[in-house]
Each structure stands twice: as structure tokens, then as C-alpha cells.
Protein backbone atom coordinates (compact mmCIF):
# COMPACT_ATOMS: atom_id res chain seq x y z
CA UNK A 1 0.01 0.29 0.06
CA UNK A 2 1.22 3.19 -0.66
CA UNK A 3 1.76 5.91 1.67
CA UNK A 4 -1.05 8.28 2.57
CA UNK A 5 -0.90 11.64 1.91
CA UNK A 6 -2.21 14.18 4.78
CA UNK A 7 -2.53 17.65 3.98
CA UNK A 8 -2.66 19.87 7.39
CA UNK A 9 -3.99 23.25 6.97
CA UNK A 10 -3.53 25.52 10.21
CA UNK A 11 -2.11 29.21 10.63
CA UNK A 12 -0.43 27.77 14.29
CA UNK A 13 2.96 26.81 13.16
CA UNK A 14 3.71 24.95 16.16
CA UNK A 15 0.50 22.62 15.93
CA UNK A 16 1.33 22.20 12.64
CA UNK A 17 4.85 20.74 13.06
CA UNK A 18 3.25 18.78 16.18
CA UNK A 19 0.66 17.16 13.94
CA UNK A 20 3.26 16.65 11.09
CA UNK A 21 5.81 14.74 13.41
CA UNK A 22 3.22 12.54 14.51
CA UNK A 23 1.74 11.76 10.91
CA UNK A 24 5.56 11.11 9.96
CA UNK A 25 5.93 8.87 12.86
CA UNK A 26 2.37 6.74 12.17
CA UNK A 27 3.69 6.47 8.42
CA UNK A 28 1.66 9.29 6.89
CA UNK A 29 3.52 11.92 4.54
CA UNK A 30 2.11 15.16 5.73
CA UNK A 31 1.73 18.54 3.67
CA UNK A 32 1.93 21.13 6.03
CA UNK A 33 0.37 24.83 4.76
CA UNK A 34 -0.35 27.75 7.05
CA UNK A 35 -3.17 29.12 5.00
CA UNK A 36 -6.54 28.26 2.90
CA UNK A 37 -5.55 29.57 -0.08
CA UNK A 38 -2.29 27.72 -0.48
CA UNK A 39 -4.23 24.91 1.61
CA UNK A 40 -6.66 24.61 -1.01
CA UNK A 41 -4.07 24.82 -3.76
CA UNK A 42 -2.45 21.54 -2.52
CA UNK A 43 -5.50 19.92 -2.16
CA UNK A 44 -6.14 20.07 -5.70
CA UNK A 45 -2.53 19.60 -6.90
CA UNK A 46 -1.45 16.91 -4.48
CA UNK A 47 -4.93 14.74 -3.91
CA UNK A 48 -3.92 13.73 -0.22
CA UNK A 49 -6.24 11.03 1.22
CA UNK A 50 -7.45 13.35 3.90
CA UNK A 51 -7.49 16.85 5.03
CA UNK A 52 -6.89 18.34 8.23
CA UNK A 53 -7.96 22.02 8.25
CA UNK A 54 -8.24 24.58 10.93
CA UNK A 55 -11.91 26.36 11.47
CA UNK A 56 -10.43 29.84 12.43
CA UNK A 57 -7.58 31.22 9.96
CA UNK A 58 -7.20 34.99 8.84
CA UNK A 59 -8.36 34.94 5.24
CA UNK A 60 -9.59 31.97 3.95
CA UNK A 61 -11.13 30.02 7.15
CA UNK A 62 -11.98 26.12 7.62
CA UNK A 63 -15.70 26.95 6.56
CA UNK A 64 -14.67 28.35 3.48
CA UNK A 65 -11.89 25.71 2.30
CA UNK A 66 -14.72 22.92 2.78
CA UNK A 67 -17.21 24.34 0.86
CA UNK A 68 -14.91 25.23 -1.91
CA UNK A 69 -13.60 21.75 -1.91
CA UNK A 70 -16.98 20.38 -2.35
CA UNK A 71 -18.50 22.88 -4.79
CA UNK A 72 -15.42 21.79 -6.55
CA UNK A 73 -16.78 18.21 -6.66
CA UNK A 74 -13.56 17.01 -4.53
CA UNK A 75 -14.79 14.28 -2.38
CA UNK A 76 -11.38 14.29 0.22
CA UNK A 77 -12.57 13.68 3.43
CA UNK A 78 -11.91 16.40 5.51
CA UNK A 79 -11.55 16.70 9.73
CA UNK A 80 -11.93 20.16 10.58
CA UNK A 81 -9.67 21.37 14.12
CA UNK A 82 -11.97 23.81 16.08
CA UNK A 83 -10.99 25.44 19.52
CA UNK A 84 -13.04 24.78 22.52
CA UNK A 85 -15.69 28.07 22.01
CA UNK A 86 -16.21 27.68 18.46
CA UNK A 87 -19.99 27.37 17.84
CA UNK A 88 -19.80 24.10 15.96
CA UNK A 89 -22.32 21.40 15.51
CA UNK A 90 -22.72 18.54 13.45
CA UNK A 91 -25.47 19.90 11.03
CA UNK A 92 -23.04 22.85 9.66
CA UNK A 93 -20.34 20.81 9.52
CA UNK A 94 -22.43 18.57 6.83
CA UNK A 95 -23.93 21.62 5.40
CA UNK A 96 -20.36 22.55 4.99
CA UNK A 97 -19.05 19.10 4.04
CA UNK A 98 -16.63 18.26 6.47
CA UNK A 99 -16.72 14.65 7.48
CA UNK A 100 -15.94 14.78 11.45
CA UNK A 101 -14.15 17.40 13.76
CA UNK A 102 -11.80 17.55 16.88
CA UNK A 103 -11.81 20.08 19.82
CA UNK A 104 -8.81 21.56 20.30
CA UNK A 105 -6.56 20.97 22.67
CA UNK A 106 -6.77 17.28 21.17
CA UNK A 107 -4.62 14.23 22.26
CA UNK A 108 -2.42 12.76 19.28
CA UNK A 109 -3.95 9.56 19.93
CA UNK A 110 -7.47 10.62 19.71
CA UNK A 111 -6.73 12.80 16.44
CA UNK A 112 -4.78 9.48 15.15
CA UNK A 113 -7.68 7.18 15.89
CA UNK A 114 -10.11 9.81 14.06
CA UNK A 115 -7.77 10.14 10.74
CA UNK A 116 -7.75 6.28 11.11
CA UNK A 117 -11.37 6.09 10.98
CA UNK A 118 -12.47 8.43 8.48
CA UNK A 119 -9.71 6.68 5.90
CA UNK A 120 -11.58 3.33 7.04
CA UNK A 121 -14.77 4.94 6.36
CA UNK A 122 -14.03 6.40 3.04
CA UNK A 123 -12.53 3.68 1.58
CA UNK A 124 -9.16 5.54 1.59
CA UNK A 125 -7.61 3.08 3.71
CA UNK A 126 -10.01 0.33 1.89
CA UNK A 127 -9.87 -3.24 2.83
CA UNK A 128 -8.72 -5.29 0.09
CA UNK A 129 -12.02 -7.35 -0.44
CA UNK A 130 -15.73 -5.65 -0.22
CA UNK A 131 -18.85 -7.04 -1.07
CA UNK A 132 -22.62 -6.02 -1.32
CA UNK A 133 -25.65 -8.28 -2.13
CA UNK A 134 -24.39 -11.80 -3.35
CA UNK A 135 -21.43 -10.06 -5.07
CA UNK A 136 -17.85 -10.04 -3.99
CA UNK A 137 -15.19 -7.94 -5.11
CA UNK A 138 -11.17 -8.42 -4.30
CA UNK A 139 -9.75 -5.20 -5.18
CA UNK A 140 -6.12 -6.28 -5.18
CA UNK A 141 -6.72 -9.78 -7.65
CA UNK A 142 -9.21 -7.55 -9.44
CA UNK A 143 -11.60 -10.30 -9.40
CA UNK A 144 -15.34 -9.85 -8.98
CA UNK A 145 -17.54 -12.69 -7.85
CA UNK A 146 -21.24 -13.13 -7.88
CA UNK A 147 -22.70 -16.21 -5.91
CA UNK A 148 -19.44 -17.51 -6.07
CA UNK A 149 -19.26 -17.35 -10.01
CA UNK A 150 -16.49 -14.93 -11.44
CA UNK A 151 -17.93 -12.05 -13.64
CA UNK A 152 -16.11 -10.96 -16.30
CA UNK A 153 -15.44 -7.17 -16.42
CA UNK A 154 -13.33 -4.74 -18.79
CA UNK A 155 -10.67 -2.99 -16.57
CA UNK A 156 -12.98 0.46 -16.88
CA UNK A 157 -15.93 -1.45 -15.40
CA UNK A 158 -13.78 -2.89 -12.95
CA UNK A 159 -12.30 0.63 -11.98
CA UNK A 160 -16.35 2.05 -12.21
CA UNK A 161 -16.84 -0.70 -9.72
CA UNK A 162 -14.09 0.05 -7.19
CA UNK A 163 -15.10 3.75 -7.24
CA UNK A 164 -18.63 3.28 -6.16
CA UNK A 165 -17.46 0.73 -3.72
CA UNK A 166 -15.15 2.87 -2.04
CA UNK A 167 -17.72 5.79 -1.88
CA UNK A 168 -20.56 4.28 -0.93
CA UNK A 169 -24.01 6.23 -0.11
CA UNK A 170 -22.45 9.26 -1.65
CA UNK A 171 -23.73 11.34 -4.44
CA UNK A 172 -21.50 11.53 -7.61
CA UNK A 173 -21.70 13.64 -10.39
CA UNK A 174 -21.01 12.09 -13.93
CA UNK A 175 -17.91 14.65 -13.81
CA UNK A 176 -16.87 13.43 -10.64
CA UNK A 177 -17.01 9.96 -11.81
CA UNK A 178 -15.12 10.46 -14.83
CA UNK A 179 -12.16 12.53 -13.45
CA UNK A 180 -11.95 9.78 -10.63
CA UNK A 181 -12.14 6.43 -12.92
CA UNK A 182 -10.94 7.58 -16.57
CA UNK A 183 -8.51 10.65 -15.38
CA UNK A 184 -9.29 13.80 -17.64
CA UNK A 185 -6.56 13.10 -20.04
CA UNK A 186 -8.47 10.44 -21.47
CA UNK A 187 -11.52 12.65 -21.51
CA UNK A 188 -14.64 10.67 -22.92
CA UNK A 189 -17.82 11.76 -22.45
CA UNK A 190 -20.33 11.31 -19.83
CA UNK A 191 -22.62 9.08 -21.81
CA UNK A 192 -19.62 6.97 -21.15
CA UNK A 193 -20.44 6.64 -17.39
CA UNK A 194 -24.03 6.13 -18.35
CA UNK A 195 -23.01 3.16 -20.79
CA UNK A 196 -20.44 1.55 -18.12
CA UNK A 197 -23.45 1.88 -14.85
CA UNK A 198 -25.78 0.22 -17.37
CA UNK A 199 -23.20 -2.68 -17.58
CA UNK A 200 -22.40 -2.94 -14.27
CA UNK A 201 -26.15 -3.11 -13.54
CA UNK A 202 -26.96 -5.94 -16.10
CA UNK A 203 -23.73 -7.76 -14.69
CA UNK A 204 -24.23 -7.08 -10.91
CA UNK A 205 -28.34 -5.97 -10.13
CA UNK A 206 -30.69 -8.62 -9.26
CA UNK A 207 -32.56 -6.69 -11.16
CA UNK A 208 -31.01 -4.53 -13.65
CA UNK A 209 -34.21 -2.80 -14.78
CA UNK A 210 -35.05 -1.76 -11.01
CA UNK A 211 -31.70 -1.26 -9.74
CA UNK A 212 -31.12 -1.51 -6.16
CA UNK A 213 -27.29 -0.44 -5.87
CA UNK A 214 -26.42 1.21 -8.57
CA UNK A 215 -28.93 4.19 -8.40
CA UNK A 216 -29.46 7.30 -10.95
CA UNK A 217 -30.04 10.48 -9.17
CA UNK A 218 -31.66 12.86 -11.26
CA UNK A 219 -29.95 16.31 -12.36
CA UNK A 220 -27.03 14.79 -10.36
CA UNK A 221 -25.13 11.74 -11.21
CA UNK A 222 -25.16 8.29 -9.47
CA UNK A 223 -25.20 6.76 -6.01
CA UNK A 224 -24.36 3.36 -4.98
CA UNK A 225 -25.86 1.55 -2.08
CA UNK A 226 -24.37 -1.74 -0.95
């Protein structure tokens, strides 16, 4: 498994360095940034596995960083670091697109536990094998079985399936799927996504005409429900 990159956006230098050292010790690759704008640039350039962002920073604060990331279609998991007195609740966090928050001062163990839990939950530290209904998917071997029989898949079909499995329950736009699965360099059009979803349904849904797992979200794109 390649080293996972964690982007830390915080204007407090000593805290930034402390978190950076802790992450390095735990085998992560930390990227340390002092302000929100540079943090956003790094988020898009380095595509980290997870972002830690301070809620209150001069200039672009954590709320705006989250909002801009999500507005740009980024699904990178985000943990917000907030001070004790901050008026912060789960509803606000979900509105801005953050996945979790930790209140300062926090212990490094607690922060690490949150990071690992979120990476697992969002499939960034995903297990090698995933399953839903009567389908089993081995991500390392790139093998798909349905009711124990192997299902033949093209490379693109498998990559699309893996992406869905790693983002369960999320509304995914066609553009986000294209960028994540095909990459913009090869840039097929969004109908490519539709065609491949149809093929996944035919191969893996109990009733392809009334899909239960690969759902169309009108005006948005698709959503995978295990």
C-alpha cells in the first residue's frame, strides 16, 4: 500500500509541526500549509487522502475551504480542527461538507484514531475485499464474484465498480466519476459513464431494470448503495 498523504492546513506553526511529526511517525506523508488559499491549491494539486483544516484562520477559514472543495466536486475526507469556544455542530459540518471534527486541545492519540477511522470509512484505507448483496470484489486481485461465480469485467468496468464501492452512499456527479475513474487526460464524455453503469447493472444487479445498488440521481449523477 502506498504512503497516504495528509494535508494539514493550520496557521498555528507549532501545532502544524506537532501534527506533522506525529503523522510521519505513524507512516503518513504530511503536507503542511499555513493558510486556506495555499491549502486549497495543495488539495487540488497533491490530491491527499485526507485533509485536516483549522476552522478559524485569517483569510480563508476552514468553513470556506470545505465549501470550495465540495463545490469543486472534491470527495477528499475532511476533519475540521476547532477551538473549544467555537459554535460548531454536526449540522453545520455536514452543510459545509466536513466529515468529522476534533476540538482543541486534543491528544495525538485521539486525532490519530479519528484519522484512521475516517480513512477506513471513506475507503481511503479500504480493505482489499468488499462485498454487497451476493457480490464479492477483491480489489487487489481485481476479481469479481457473484454467488461464487466469477464475473468477467473490462478494466473500466472494474475501476468504476471499485470507485462506487469506495464511496458508498455518496451522490457522485458524472464529472467526478469521469475524473476519478478515467482521468481527464483520456476524457471520454459523460455518456461513457452512463454506458458503464448500465453494464454494471446488467452484470451485478438482481433486477437490472429496477436497480437497487447503482442508483440514478436525476440532475446529479449516480449513487451506490451497498
